[in-house]
Amino acid sequence: MAKKKRFKIEQFELRSHGFDNDQCFQGCGQSNFKEVVTGCGPTEKAAFEDALEQIATKEPLDIDFTDIESGAGELSEEEYETKPLQLYDDEDGDDDDDGFSESEEEPHDMHYYYSIRYNV
């Protein structure tokens, strides 16, 4: 069996997008790079690791991530905290006319997003 050629990603750009709702996140364009991946997770570190995993599964190569990992520096592991938004309907005696009952909650689909633009 032939040994895979090892590639090192030397040209890359790291972009921490912060927290955003999954329906509002605009994505990340390629710019001057041929490839871009965006990871998401509950923390900055988890989003970065998700992006690295996407590169590893996307490229059928043996890739060295050393420069990218050291370029990211210290990543936050602080989670974004949300409280459920409770909505009520008029049947429960409140003044709202929103049609939601007291027991229903609107989900908060907030994630941390981290993109890696790169050339192999």
PDB file of N, CA and C in Angstrom:
ATOM      1  N   MET A   1       0.838  -1.181   0.000  1.00  0.00           N
ATOM      2  CA  MET A   1       0.000   0.000   0.000  1.00  0.00           C
ATOM      3  C   MET A   1       0.883   1.245   0.000  1.00  0.00           C
ATOM      4  N   ALA A   2       0.550   2.197  -0.862  1.00  0.00           N
ATOM      5  CA  ALA A   2       1.343   3.419  -0.987  1.00  0.00           C
ATOM      6  C   ALA A   2       1.126   4.330   0.210  1.00  0.00           C
ATOM      7  N   LYS A   3       2.206   4.950   0.659  1.00  0.00           N
ATOM      8  CA  LYS A   3       2.133   5.864   1.787  1.00  0.00           C
ATOM      9  C   LYS A   3       1.580   7.206   1.307  1.00  0.00           C
ATOM     10  N   LYS A   4       0.656   7.781   2.079  1.00  0.00           N
ATOM     11  CA  LYS A   4       0.087   9.078   1.728  1.00  0.00           C
ATOM     12  C   LYS A   4       1.154  10.155   1.850  1.00  0.00           C
ATOM     13  N   LYS A   5       1.120  11.098   0.907  1.00  0.00           N
ATOM     14  CA  LYS A   5       2.026  12.230   0.972  1.00  0.00           C
ATOM     15  C   LYS A   5       1.523  13.203   2.036  1.00  0.00           C
ATOM     16  N   ARG A   6       2.413  13.678   2.886  1.00  0.00           N
ATOM     17  CA  ARG A   6       2.033  14.583   3.973  1.00  0.00           C
ATOM     18  C   ARG A   6       2.088  16.028   3.476  1.00  0.00           C
ATOM     19  N   PHE A   7       0.993  16.748   3.698  1.00  0.00           N
ATOM     20  CA  PHE A   7       0.900  18.147   3.303  1.00  0.00           C
ATOM     21  C   PHE A   7       0.802  19.016   4.543  1.00  0.00           C
ATOM     22  N   LYS A   8       1.366  20.197   4.434  1.00  0.00           N
ATOM     23  CA  LYS A   8       1.287  21.151   5.529  1.00  0.00           C
ATOM     24  C   LYS A   8       0.534  22.384   5.030  1.00  0.00           C
ATOM     25  N   ILE A   9      -0.464  22.792   5.777  1.00  0.00           N
ATOM     26  CA  ILE A   9      -1.207  24.000   5.420  1.00  0.00           C
ATOM     27  C   ILE A   9      -0.425  25.184   5.978  1.00  0.00           C
ATOM     28  N   GLU A  10       0.197  25.926   5.074  1.00  0.00           N
ATOM     29  CA  GLU A  10       1.006  27.071   5.495  1.00  0.00           C
ATOM     30  C   GLU A  10       0.303  28.393   5.246  1.00  0.00           C
ATOM     31  N   GLN A  11      -0.554  28.431   4.239  1.00  0.00           N
ATOM     32  CA  GLN A  11      -1.305  29.652   3.949  1.00  0.00           C
ATOM     33  C   GLN A  11      -2.704  29.480   4.513  1.00  0.00           C
ATOM     34  N   PHE A  12      -3.010  30.263   5.522  1.00  0.00           N
ATOM     35  CA  PHE A  12      -4.330  30.156   6.132  1.00  0.00           C
ATOM     36  C   PHE A  12      -4.688  31.457   6.830  1.00  0.00           C
ATOM     37  N   GLU A  13      -5.956  31.596   7.104  1.00  0.00           N
ATOM     38  CA  GLU A  13      -6.472  32.735   7.854  1.00  0.00           C
ATOM     39  C   GLU A  13      -7.506  32.203   8.832  1.00  0.00           C
ATOM     40  N   LEU A  14      -7.400  32.607  10.080  1.00  0.00           N
ATOM     41  CA  LEU A  14      -8.333  32.182  11.111  1.00  0.00           C
ATOM     42  C   LEU A  14      -9.290  33.325  11.415  1.00  0.00           C
ATOM     43  N   ARG A  15     -10.569  32.990  11.545  1.00  0.00           N
ATOM     44  CA  ARG A  15     -11.554  34.034  11.816  1.00  0.00           C
ATOM     45  C   ARG A  15     -12.554  33.564  12.866  1.00  0.00           C
ATOM     46  N   SER A  16     -12.541  34.235  13.992  1.00  0.00           N
ATOM     47  CA  SER A  16     -13.483  33.951  15.068  1.00  0.00           C
ATOM     48  C   SER A  16     -14.678  34.879  14.872  1.00  0.00           C
ATOM     49  N   HIS A  17     -15.856  34.298  14.626  1.00  0.00           N
ATOM     50  CA  HIS A  17     -17.056  35.088  14.351  1.00  0.00           C
ATOM     51  C   HIS A  17     -17.852  35.421  15.607  1.00  0.00           C
ATOM     52  N   GLY A  18     -17.576  34.757  16.713  1.00  0.00           N
ATOM     53  CA  GLY A  18     -18.338  34.980  17.934  1.00  0.00           C
ATOM     54  C   GLY A  18     -19.640  34.194  17.931  1.00  0.00           C
ATOM     55  N   PHE A  19     -20.537  34.542  18.848  1.00  0.00           N
ATOM     56  CA  PHE A  19     -21.811  33.852  18.978  1.00  0.00           C
ATOM     57  C   PHE A  19     -22.835  34.462  18.034  1.00  0.00           C
ATOM     58  N   ASP A  20     -23.663  33.592  17.456  1.00  0.00           N
ATOM     59  CA  ASP A  20     -24.724  34.065  16.571  1.00  0.00           C
ATOM     60  C   ASP A  20     -25.811  33.010  16.504  1.00  0.00           C
ATOM     61  N   ASN A  21     -26.987  33.418  16.129  1.00  0.00           N
ATOM     62  CA  ASN A  21     -28.088  32.494  15.917  1.00  0.00           C
ATOM     63  C   ASN A  21     -27.853  31.762  14.610  1.00  0.00           C
ATOM     64  N   ASP A  22     -28.148  30.467  14.566  1.00  0.00           N
ATOM     65  CA  ASP A  22     -27.855  29.698  13.354  1.00  0.00           C
ATOM     66  C   ASP A  22     -28.655  30.169  12.147  1.00  0.00           C
ATOM     67  N   GLN A  23     -29.751  30.874  12.344  1.00  0.00           N
ATOM     68  CA  GLN A  23     -30.516  31.383  11.208  1.00  0.00           C
ATOM     69  C   GLN A  23     -30.039  32.758  10.767  1.00  0.00           C
ATOM     70  N   CYS A  24     -29.171  33.389  11.546  1.00  0.00           N
ATOM     71  CA  CYS A  24     -28.677  34.725  11.215  1.00  0.00           C
ATOM     72  C   CYS A  24     -27.234  34.727  10.727  1.00  0.00           C
ATOM     73  N   PHE A  25     -26.488  33.669  11.003  1.00  0.00           N
ATOM     74  CA  PHE A  25     -25.072  33.640  10.629  1.00  0.00           C
ATOM     75  C   PHE A  25     -24.926  33.703   9.108  1.00  0.00           C
ATOM     76  N   GLN A  26     -24.131  34.650   8.638  1.00  0.00           N
ATOM     77  CA  GLN A  26     -23.984  34.911   7.205  1.00  0.00           C
ATOM     78  C   GLN A  26     -22.983  34.004   6.500  1.00  0.00           C
ATOM     79  N   GLY A  27     -22.174  33.292   7.249  1.00  0.00           N
ATOM     80  CA  GLY A  27     -21.161  32.438   6.635  1.00  0.00           C
ATOM     81  C   GLY A  27     -19.852  33.178   6.461  1.00  0.00           C
ATOM     82  N   CYS A  28     -18.937  32.549   5.745  1.00  0.00           N
ATOM     83  CA  CYS A  28     -17.610  33.126   5.554  1.00  0.00           C
ATOM     84  C   CYS A  28     -17.160  32.824   4.133  1.00  0.00           C
ATOM     85  N   GLY A  29     -16.885  33.845   3.341  1.00  0.00           N
ATOM     86  CA  GLY A  29     -16.448  33.665   1.960  1.00  0.00           C
ATOM     87  C   GLY A  29     -15.007  33.206   1.860  1.00  0.00           C
ATOM     88  N   GLN A  30     -14.612  32.840   0.654  1.00  0.00           N
ATOM     89  CA  GLN A  30     -13.274  32.296   0.437  1.00  0.00           C
ATOM     90  C   GLN A  30     -12.189  33.349   0.399  1.00  0.00           C
ATOM     91  N   SER A  31     -12.487  34.578   0.013  1.00  0.00           N
ATOM     92  CA  SER A  31     -11.506  35.634  -0.106  1.00  0.00           C
ATOM     93  C   SER A  31     -10.433  35.212  -1.119  1.00  0.00           C
ATOM     94  N   ASN A  32      -9.166  35.282  -0.747  1.00  0.00           N
ATOM     95  CA  ASN A  32      -8.069  34.900  -1.644  1.00  0.00           C
ATOM     96  C   ASN A  32      -7.625  33.454  -1.432  1.00  0.00           C
ATOM     97  N   PHE A  33      -8.425  32.681  -0.744  1.00  0.00           N
ATOM     98  CA  PHE A  33      -8.091  31.292  -0.457  1.00  0.00           C
ATOM     99  C   PHE A  33      -8.984  30.361  -1.267  1.00  0.00           C
ATOM    100  N   LYS A  34      -8.481  29.176  -1.540  1.00  0.00           N
ATOM    101  CA  LYS A  34      -9.246  28.208  -2.325  1.00  0.00           C
ATOM    102  C   LYS A  34     -10.283  27.459  -1.493  1.00  0.00           C
ATOM    103  N   GLU A  35     -10.023  27.317  -0.215  1.00  0.00           N
ATOM    104  CA  GLU A  35     -10.898  26.530   0.659  1.00  0.00           C
ATOM    105  C   GLU A  35     -11.287  27.333   1.891  1.00  0.00           C
ATOM    106  N   VAL A  36     -12.482  27.052   2.398  1.00  0.00           N
ATOM    107  CA  VAL A  36     -12.927  27.640   3.661  1.00  0.00           C
ATOM    108  C   VAL A  36     -13.844  26.640   4.355  1.00  0.00           C
ATOM    109  N   VAL A  37     -13.650  26.486   5.651  1.00  0.00           N
ATOM    110  CA  VAL A  37     -14.533  25.671   6.476  1.00  0.00           C
ATOM    111  C   VAL A  37     -14.947  26.520   7.676  1.00  0.00           C
ATOM    112  N   THR A  38     -16.157  26.297   8.155  1.00  0.00           N
ATOM    113  CA  THR A  38     -16.647  26.994   9.341  1.00  0.00           C
ATOM    114  C   THR A  38     -17.179  25.967  10.314  1.00  0.00           C
ATOM    115  N   GLY A  39     -16.631  26.003  11.512  1.00  0.00           N
ATOM    116  CA  GLY A  39     -17.088  25.104  12.566  1.00  0.00           C
ATOM    117  C   GLY A  39     -17.998  25.844  13.521  1.00  0.00           C
ATOM    118  N   CYS A  40     -18.855  25.089  14.207  1.00  0.00           N
ATOM    119  CA  CYS A  40     -19.703  25.700  15.223  1.00  0.00           C
ATOM    120  C   CYS A  40     -19.730  24.811  16.454  1.00  0.00           C
ATOM    121  N   GLY A  41     -20.005  25.417  17.577  1.00  0.00           N
ATOM    122  CA  GLY A  41     -20.057  24.677  18.829  1.00  0.00           C
ATOM    123  C   GLY A  41     -20.476  25.583  19.967  1.00  0.00           C
ATOM    124  N   PRO A  42     -20.572  25.031  21.154  1.00  0.00           N
ATOM    125  CA  PRO A  42     -20.997  25.831  22.306  1.00  0.00           C
ATOM    126  C   PRO A  42     -19.913  26.771  22.825  1.00  0.00           C
ATOM    127  N   THR A  43     -18.665  26.559  22.414  1.00  0.00           N
ATOM    128  CA  THR A  43     -17.555  27.418  22.826  1.00  0.00           C
ATOM    129  C   THR A  43     -16.686  27.727  21.615  1.00  0.00           C
ATOM    130  N   GLU A  44     -15.829  28.729  21.764  1.00  0.00           N
ATOM    131  CA  GLU A  44     -14.894  29.076  20.689  1.00  0.00           C
ATOM    132  C   GLU A  44     -13.981  27.893  20.374  1.00  0.00           C
ATOM    133  N   LYS A  45     -13.485  27.242  21.405  1.00  0.00           N
ATOM    134  CA  LYS A  45     -12.586  26.100  21.218  1.00  0.00           C
ATOM    135  C   LYS A  45     -13.290  24.957  20.489  1.00  0.00           C
ATOM    136  N   ALA A  46     -14.528  24.661  20.868  1.00  0.00           N
ATOM    137  CA  ALA A  46     -15.284  23.585  20.214  1.00  0.00           C
ATOM    138  C   ALA A  46     -15.541  23.913  18.747  1.00  0.00           C
ATOM    139  N   ALA A  47     -15.829  25.184  18.441  1.00  0.00           N
ATOM    140  CA  ALA A  47     -16.063  25.600  17.056  1.00  0.00           C
ATOM    141  C   ALA A  47     -14.780  25.450  16.232  1.00  0.00           C
ATOM    142  N   PHE A  48     -13.642  25.824  16.818  1.00  0.00           N
ATOM    143  CA  PHE A  48     -12.357  25.688  16.139  1.00  0.00           C
ATOM    144  C   PHE A  48     -12.053  24.218  15.861  1.00  0.00           C
ATOM    145  N   GLU A  49     -12.271  23.364  16.851  1.00  0.00           N
ATOM    146  CA  GLU A  49     -12.019  21.933  16.678  1.00  0.00           C
ATOM    147  C   GLU A  49     -12.953  21.333  15.629  1.00  0.00           C
ATOM    148  N   ASP A  50     -14.186  21.811  15.558  1.00  0.00           N
ATOM    149  CA  ASP A  50     -15.127  21.357  14.530  1.00  0.00           C
ATOM    150  C   ASP A  50     -14.623  21.734  13.138  1.00  0.00           C
ATOM    151  N   ALA A  51     -14.076  22.940  13.003  1.00  0.00           N
ATOM    152  CA  ALA A  51     -13.526  23.377  11.713  1.00  0.00           C
ATOM    153  C   ALA A  51     -12.329  22.507  11.311  1.00  0.00           C
ATOM    154  N   LEU A  52     -11.448  22.191  12.263  1.00  0.00           N
ATOM    155  CA  LEU A  52     -10.308  21.309  11.971  1.00  0.00           C
ATOM    156  C   LEU A  52     -10.783  19.926  11.528  1.00  0.00           C
ATOM    157  N   GLU A  53     -11.806  19.428  12.185  1.00  0.00           N
ATOM    158  CA  GLU A  53     -12.354  18.119  11.832  1.00  0.00           C
ATOM    159  C   GLU A  53     -12.932  18.130  10.415  1.00  0.00           C
ATOM    160  N   GLN A  54     -13.539  19.252  10.034  1.00  0.00           N
ATOM    161  CA  GLN A  54     -14.073  19.366   8.680  1.00  0.00           C
ATOM    162  C   GLN A  54     -12.949  19.322   7.641  1.00  0.00           C
ATOM    163  N   ILE A  55     -11.829  19.966   7.937  1.00  0.00           N
ATOM    164  CA  ILE A  55     -10.690  19.910   7.011  1.00  0.00           C
ATOM    165  C   ILE A  55     -10.194  18.470   6.904  1.00  0.00           C
ATOM    166  N   ALA A  56     -10.073  17.803   8.037  1.00  0.00           N
ATOM    167  CA  ALA A  56      -9.555  16.426   8.053  1.00  0.00           C
ATOM    168  C   ALA A  56     -10.450  15.482   7.252  1.00  0.00           C
ATOM    169  N   THR A  57     -11.759  15.679   7.289  1.00  0.00           N
ATOM    170  CA  THR A  57     -12.660  14.788   6.542  1.00  0.00           C
ATOM    171  C   THR A  57     -12.818  15.236   5.094  1.00  0.00           C
ATOM    172  N   LYS A  58     -12.558  16.501   4.827  1.00  0.00           N
ATOM    173  CA  LYS A  58     -12.710  17.051   3.478  1.00  0.00           C
ATOM    174  C   LYS A  58     -11.530  16.691   2.576  1.00  0.00           C
ATOM    175  N   GLU A  59     -10.363  16.759   3.114  1.00  0.00           N
ATOM    176  CA  GLU A  59      -9.151  16.534   2.327  1.00  0.00           C
ATOM    177  C   GLU A  59      -8.685  15.079   2.471  1.00  0.00           C
ATOM    178  N   PRO A  60      -8.562  14.362   1.348  1.00  0.00           N
ATOM    179  CA  PRO A  60      -8.084  12.969   1.419  1.00  0.00           C
ATOM    180  C   PRO A  60      -6.562  12.897   1.510  1.00  0.00           C
ATOM    181  N   LEU A  61      -6.013  13.736   2.333  1.00  0.00           N
ATOM    182  CA  LEU A  61      -4.557  13.847   2.441  1.00  0.00           C
ATOM    183  C   LEU A  61      -4.139  13.702   3.893  1.00  0.00           C
ATOM    184  N   ASP A  62      -2.874  13.477   4.093  1.00  0.00           N
ATOM    185  CA  ASP A  62      -2.309  13.477   5.431  1.00  0.00           C
ATOM    186  C   ASP A  62      -1.856  14.911   5.682  1.00  0.00           C
ATOM    187  N   ILE A  63      -2.630  15.653   6.456  1.00  0.00           N
ATOM    188  CA  ILE A  63      -2.377  17.078   6.624  1.00  0.00           C
ATOM    189  C   ILE A  63      -1.814  17.388   8.002  1.00  0.00           C
ATOM    190  N   ASP A  64      -0.814  18.262   8.026  1.00  0.00           N
ATOM    191  CA  ASP A  64      -0.200  18.733   9.260  1.00  0.00           C
ATOM    192  C   ASP A  64      -0.895  20.039   9.671  1.00  0.00           C
ATOM    193  N   PHE A  65      -1.561  20.018  10.824  1.00  0.00           N
ATOM    194  CA  PHE A  65      -2.303  21.179  11.314  1.00  0.00           C
ATOM    195  C   PHE A  65      -1.515  22.023  12.312  1.00  0.00           C
ATOM    196  N   THR A  66      -0.253  21.737  12.510  1.00  0.00           N
ATOM    197  CA  THR A  66       0.541  22.374  13.563  1.00  0.00           C
ATOM    198  C   THR A  66       0.473  23.895  13.513  1.00  0.00           C
ATOM    199  N   ASP A  67       0.689  24.481  12.336  1.00  0.00           N
ATOM    200  CA  ASP A  67       0.691  25.943  12.231  1.00  0.00           C
ATOM    201  C   ASP A  67      -0.676  26.536  12.541  1.00  0.00           C
ATOM    202  N   ILE A  68      -1.724  25.880  12.080  1.00  0.00           N
ATOM    203  CA  ILE A  68      -3.076  26.386  12.336  1.00  0.00           C
ATOM    204  C   ILE A  68      -3.383  26.333  13.830  1.00  0.00           C
ATOM    205  N   GLU A  69      -3.068  25.218  14.455  1.00  0.00           N
ATOM    206  CA  GLU A  69      -3.352  25.077  15.883  1.00  0.00           C
ATOM    207  C   GLU A  69      -2.581  26.096  16.717  1.00  0.00           C
ATOM    208  N   SER A  70      -1.319  26.341  16.379  1.00  0.00           N
ATOM    209  CA  SER A  70      -0.543  27.320  17.137  1.00  0.00           C
ATOM    210  C   SER A  70      -0.977  28.741  16.799  1.00  0.00           C
ATOM    211  N   GLY A  71      -1.460  28.959  15.581  1.00  0.00           N
ATOM    212  CA  GLY A  71      -1.938  30.285  15.176  1.00  0.00           C
ATOM    213  C   GLY A  71      -3.210  30.699  15.879  1.00  0.00           C
ATOM    214  N   ALA A  72      -3.986  29.714  16.329  1.00  0.00           N
ATOM    215  CA  ALA A  72      -5.246  30.023  17.010  1.00  0.00           C
ATOM    216  C   ALA A  72      -5.016  30.562  18.412  1.00  0.00           C
ATOM    217  N   GLY A  73      -3.869  30.252  18.995  1.00  0.00           N
ATOM    218  CA  GLY A  73      -3.583  30.739  20.347  1.00  0.00           C
ATOM    219  C   GLY A  73      -4.508  30.141  21.383  1.00  0.00           C
ATOM    220  N   GLU A  74      -4.776  30.919  22.416  1.00  0.00           N
ATOM    221  CA  GLU A  74      -5.639  30.466  23.511  1.00  0.00           C
ATOM    222  C   GLU A  74      -7.095  30.709  23.140  1.00  0.00           C
ATOM    223  N   LEU A  75      -7.884  29.638  23.097  1.00  0.00           N
ATOM    224  CA  LEU A  75      -9.281  29.754  22.725  1.00  0.00           C
ATOM    225  C   LEU A  75     -10.181  29.653  23.952  1.00  0.00           C
ATOM    226  N   SER A  76     -11.241  30.423  23.928  1.00  0.00           N
ATOM    227  CA  SER A  76     -12.175  30.448  25.053  1.00  0.00           C
ATOM    228  C   SER A  76     -12.993  29.164  25.125  1.00  0.00           C
ATOM    229  N   GLU A  77     -13.195  28.703  26.333  1.00  0.00           N
ATOM    230  CA  GLU A  77     -14.063  27.553  26.563  1.00  0.00           C
ATOM    231  C   GLU A  77     -15.324  27.980  27.305  1.00  0.00           C
ATOM    232  N   GLU A  78     -15.574  29.300  27.316  1.00  0.00           N
ATOM    233  CA  GLU A  78     -16.761  29.827  27.982  1.00  0.00           C
ATOM    234  C   GLU A  78     -17.978  29.627  27.093  1.00  0.00           C
ATOM    235  N   GLU A  79     -19.023  29.049  27.657  1.00  0.00           N
ATOM    236  CA  GLU A  79     -20.233  28.778  26.893  1.00  0.00           C
ATOM    237  C   GLU A  79     -21.161  29.989  26.902  1.00  0.00           C
ATOM    238  N   TYR A  80     -21.895  30.124  25.820  1.00  0.00           N
ATOM    239  CA  TYR A  80     -22.909  31.166  25.717  1.00  0.00           C
ATOM    240  C   TYR A  80     -24.121  30.708  26.501  1.00  0.00           C
ATOM    241  N   GLU A  81     -24.579  31.533  27.412  1.00  0.00           N
ATOM    242  CA  GLU A  81     -25.718  31.135  28.247  1.00  0.00           C
ATOM    243  C   GLU A  81     -26.968  31.878  27.811  1.00  0.00           C
ATOM    244  N   THR A  82     -28.038  31.124  27.632  1.00  0.00           N
ATOM    245  CA  THR A  82     -29.320  31.734  27.294  1.00  0.00           C
ATOM    246  C   THR A  82     -30.372  31.255  28.282  1.00  0.00           C
ATOM    247  N   LYS A  83     -31.383  32.059  28.433  1.00  0.00           N
ATOM    248  CA  LYS A  83     -32.521  31.668  29.253  1.00  0.00           C
ATOM    249  C   LYS A  83     -33.701  31.471  28.308  1.00  0.00           C
ATOM    250  N   PRO A  84     -34.520  30.446  28.538  1.00  0.00           N
ATOM    251  CA  PRO A  84     -35.676  30.225  27.661  1.00  0.00           C
ATOM    252  C   PRO A  84     -36.608  31.428  27.654  1.00  0.00           C
ATOM    253  N   LEU A  85     -37.097  31.756  26.477  1.00  0.00           N
ATOM    254  CA  LEU A  85     -38.054  32.840  26.315  1.00  0.00           C
ATOM    255  C   LEU A  85     -39.444  32.245  26.481  1.00  0.00           C
ATOM    256  N   GLN A  86     -40.178  32.704  27.460  1.00  0.00           N
ATOM    257  CA  GLN A  86     -41.504  32.145  27.704  1.00  0.00           C
ATOM    258  C   GLN A  86     -42.552  33.085  27.113  1.00  0.00           C
ATOM    259  N   LEU A  87     -43.449  32.510  26.331  1.00  0.00           N
ATOM    260  CA  LEU A  87     -44.526  33.262  25.696  1.00  0.00           C
ATOM    261  C   LEU A  87     -45.859  32.720  26.185  1.00  0.00           C
ATOM    262  N   TYR A  88     -46.843  33.599  26.329  1.00  0.00           N
ATOM    263  CA  TYR A  88     -48.132  33.192  26.887  1.00  0.00           C
ATOM    264  C   TYR A  88     -49.270  33.577  25.946  1.00  0.00           C
ATOM    265  N   ASP A  89     -50.375  32.846  26.028  1.00  0.00           N
ATOM    266  CA  ASP A  89     -51.547  33.233  25.235  1.00  0.00           C
ATOM    267  C   ASP A  89     -52.621  33.779  26.158  1.00  0.00           C
ATOM    268  N   ASP A  90     -53.670  34.317  25.549  1.00  0.00           N
ATOM    269  CA  ASP A  90     -54.730  34.961  26.322  1.00  0.00           C
ATOM    270  C   ASP A  90     -55.504  33.994  27.203  1.00  0.00           C
ATOM    271  N   GLU A  91     -55.532  32.724  26.866  1.00  0.00           N
ATOM    272  CA  GLU A  91     -56.274  31.748  27.660  1.00  0.00           C
ATOM    273  C   GLU A  91     -55.685  31.615  29.062  1.00  0.00           C
ATOM    274  N   ASP A  92     -54.438  32.009  29.217  1.00  0.00           N
ATOM    275  CA  ASP A  92     -53.802  31.921  30.526  1.00  0.00           C
ATOM    276  C   ASP A  92     -54.026  33.181  31.352  1.00  0.00           C
ATOM    277  N   GLY A  93     -54.794  34.148  30.803  1.00  0.00           N
ATOM    278  CA  GLY A  93     -55.128  35.343  31.567  1.00  0.00           C
ATOM    279  C   GLY A  93     -54.156  36.488  31.395  1.00  0.00           C
ATOM    280  N   ASP A  94     -53.193  36.362  30.488  1.00  0.00           N
ATOM    281  CA  ASP A  94     -52.291  37.493  30.273  1.00  0.00           C
ATOM    282  C   ASP A  94     -52.856  38.394  29.177  1.00  0.00           C
ATOM    283  N   ASP A  95     -52.191  39.487  28.919  1.00  0.00           N
ATOM    284  CA  ASP A  95     -52.682  40.443  27.925  1.00  0.00           C
ATOM    285  C   ASP A  95     -52.096  40.227  26.538  1.00  0.00           C
ATOM    286  N   ASP A  96     -51.188  39.273  26.399  1.00  0.00           N
ATOM    287  CA  ASP A  96     -50.562  39.023  25.098  1.00  0.00           C
ATOM    288  C   ASP A  96     -51.550  38.361  24.152  1.00  0.00           C
ATOM    289  N   ASP A  97     -51.365  38.569  22.887  1.00  0.00           N
ATOM    290  CA  ASP A  97     -52.175  37.887  21.871  1.00  0.00           C
ATOM    291  C   ASP A  97     -51.218  37.197  20.904  1.00  0.00           C
ATOM    292  N   ASP A  98     -50.276  36.432  21.474  1.00  0.00           N
ATOM    293  CA  ASP A  98     -49.253  35.816  20.630  1.00  0.00           C
ATOM    294  C   ASP A  98     -49.538  34.370  20.279  1.00  0.00           C
ATOM    295  N   GLY A  99     -50.518  33.744  20.900  1.00  0.00           N
ATOM    296  CA  GLY A  99     -50.895  32.385  20.550  1.00  0.00           C
ATOM    297  C   GLY A  99     -50.042  31.291  21.138  1.00  0.00           C
ATOM    298  N   PHE A 100     -49.081  31.619  21.968  1.00  0.00           N
ATOM    299  CA  PHE A 100     -48.242  30.610  22.585  1.00  0.00           C
ATOM    300  C   PHE A 100     -48.730  30.332  23.996  1.00  0.00           C
ATOM    301  N   SER A 101     -48.702  29.085  24.381  1.00  0.00           N
ATOM    302  CA  SER A 101     -49.103  28.749  25.737  1.00  0.00           C
ATOM    303  C   SER A 101     -47.926  28.913  26.686  1.00  0.00           C
ATOM    304  N   GLU A 102     -48.240  28.909  27.953  1.00  0.00           N
ATOM    305  CA  GLU A 102     -47.229  29.118  28.983  1.00  0.00           C
ATOM    306  C   GLU A 102     -46.140  28.055  28.955  1.00  0.00           C
ATOM    307  N   SER A 103     -46.474  26.834  28.559  1.00  0.00           N
ATOM    308  CA  SER A 103     -45.510  25.740  28.607  1.00  0.00           C
ATOM    309  C   SER A 103     -44.566  25.700  27.407  1.00  0.00           C
ATOM    310  N   GLU A 104     -44.889  26.443  26.345  1.00  0.00           N
ATOM    311  CA  GLU A 104     -44.037  26.407  25.156  1.00  0.00           C
ATOM    312  C   GLU A 104     -42.868  27.377  25.306  1.00  0.00           C
ATOM    313  N   GLU A 105     -41.714  26.975  24.785  1.00  0.00           N
ATOM    314  CA  GLU A 105     -40.526  27.822  24.823  1.00  0.00           C
ATOM    315  C   GLU A 105     -39.965  27.964  23.416  1.00  0.00           C
ATOM    316  N   GLU A 106     -39.474  29.121  23.123  1.00  0.00           N
ATOM    317  CA  GLU A 106     -38.821  29.353  21.842  1.00  0.00           C
ATOM    318  C   GLU A 106     -37.362  28.946  21.981  1.00  0.00           C
ATOM    319  N   PRO A 107     -36.835  28.091  21.091  1.00  0.00           N
ATOM    320  CA  PRO A 107     -35.446  27.648  21.238  1.00  0.00           C
ATOM    321  C   PRO A 107     -34.451  28.764  20.923  1.00  0.00           C
ATOM    322  N   HIS A 108     -33.343  28.705  21.598  1.00  0.00           N
ATOM    323  CA  HIS A 108     -32.244  29.642  21.340  1.00  0.00           C
ATOM    324  C   HIS A 108     -31.141  28.854  20.645  1.00  0.00           C
ATOM    325  N   ASP A 109     -31.073  28.984  19.353  1.00  0.00           N
ATOM    326  CA  ASP A 109     -30.096  28.239  18.570  1.00  0.00           C
ATOM    327  C   ASP A 109     -28.830  29.068  18.384  1.00  0.00           C
ATOM    328  N   MET A 110     -28.199  29.383  19.499  1.00  0.00           N
ATOM    329  CA  MET A 110     -26.982  30.180  19.464  1.00  0.00           C
ATOM    330  C   MET A 110     -25.772  29.255  19.481  1.00  0.00           C
ATOM    331  N   HIS A 111     -24.804  29.569  18.625  1.00  0.00           N
ATOM    332  CA  HIS A 111     -23.578  28.794  18.539  1.00  0.00           C
ATOM    333  C   HIS A 111     -22.409  29.747  18.357  1.00  0.00           C
ATOM    334  N   TYR A 112     -21.235  29.266  18.702  1.00  0.00           N
ATOM    335  CA  TYR A 112     -20.011  29.999  18.413  1.00  0.00           C
ATOM    336  C   TYR A 112     -19.542  29.546  17.035  1.00  0.00           C
ATOM    337  N   TYR A 113     -19.117  30.462  16.188  1.00  0.00           N
ATOM    338  CA  TYR A 113     -18.663  30.132  14.832  1.00  0.00           C
ATOM    339  C   TYR A 113     -17.198  30.511  14.661  1.00  0.00           C
ATOM    340  N   TYR A 114     -16.457  29.634  14.000  1.00  0.00           N
ATOM    341  CA  TYR A 114     -15.024  29.836  13.769  1.00  0.00           C
ATOM    342  C   TYR A 114     -14.687  29.321  12.372  1.00  0.00           C
ATOM    343  N   SER A 115     -14.087  30.176  11.547  1.00  0.00           N
ATOM    344  CA  SER A 115     -13.759  29.789  10.171  1.00  0.00           C
ATOM    345  C   SER A 115     -12.249  29.701   9.964  1.00  0.00           C
ATOM    346  N   ILE A 116     -11.881  28.793   9.066  1.00  0.00           N
ATOM    347  CA  ILE A 116     -10.490  28.668   8.633  1.00  0.00           C
ATOM    348  C   ILE A 116     -10.490  28.724   7.114  1.00  0.00           C
ATOM    349  N   ARG A 117      -9.838  29.730   6.590  1.00  0.00           N
ATOM    350  CA  ARG A 117      -9.612  29.827   5.139  1.00  0.00           C
ATOM    351  C   ARG A 117      -8.209  29.302   4.894  1.00  0.00           C
ATOM    352  N   TYR A 118      -8.030  28.516   3.817  1.00  0.00           N
ATOM    353  CA  TYR A 118      -6.700  27.936   3.621  1.00  0.00           C
ATOM    354  C   TYR A 118      -6.460  27.501   2.172  1.00  0.00           C
ATOM    355  N   ASN A 119      -5.182  27.277   1.867  1.00  0.00           N
ATOM    356  CA  ASN A 119      -4.746  26.687   0.604  1.00  0.00           C
ATOM    357  C   ASN A 119      -3.884  25.473   0.936  1.00  0.00           C
ATOM    358  N   VAL A 120      -4.047  24.414   0.181  1.00  0.00           N
ATOM    359  CA  VAL A 120      -3.218  23.199   0.372  1.00  0.00           C
ATOM    360  C   VAL A 120      -2.191  23.184  -0.729  1.00  0.00           C
TER     361      VAL A 120
END
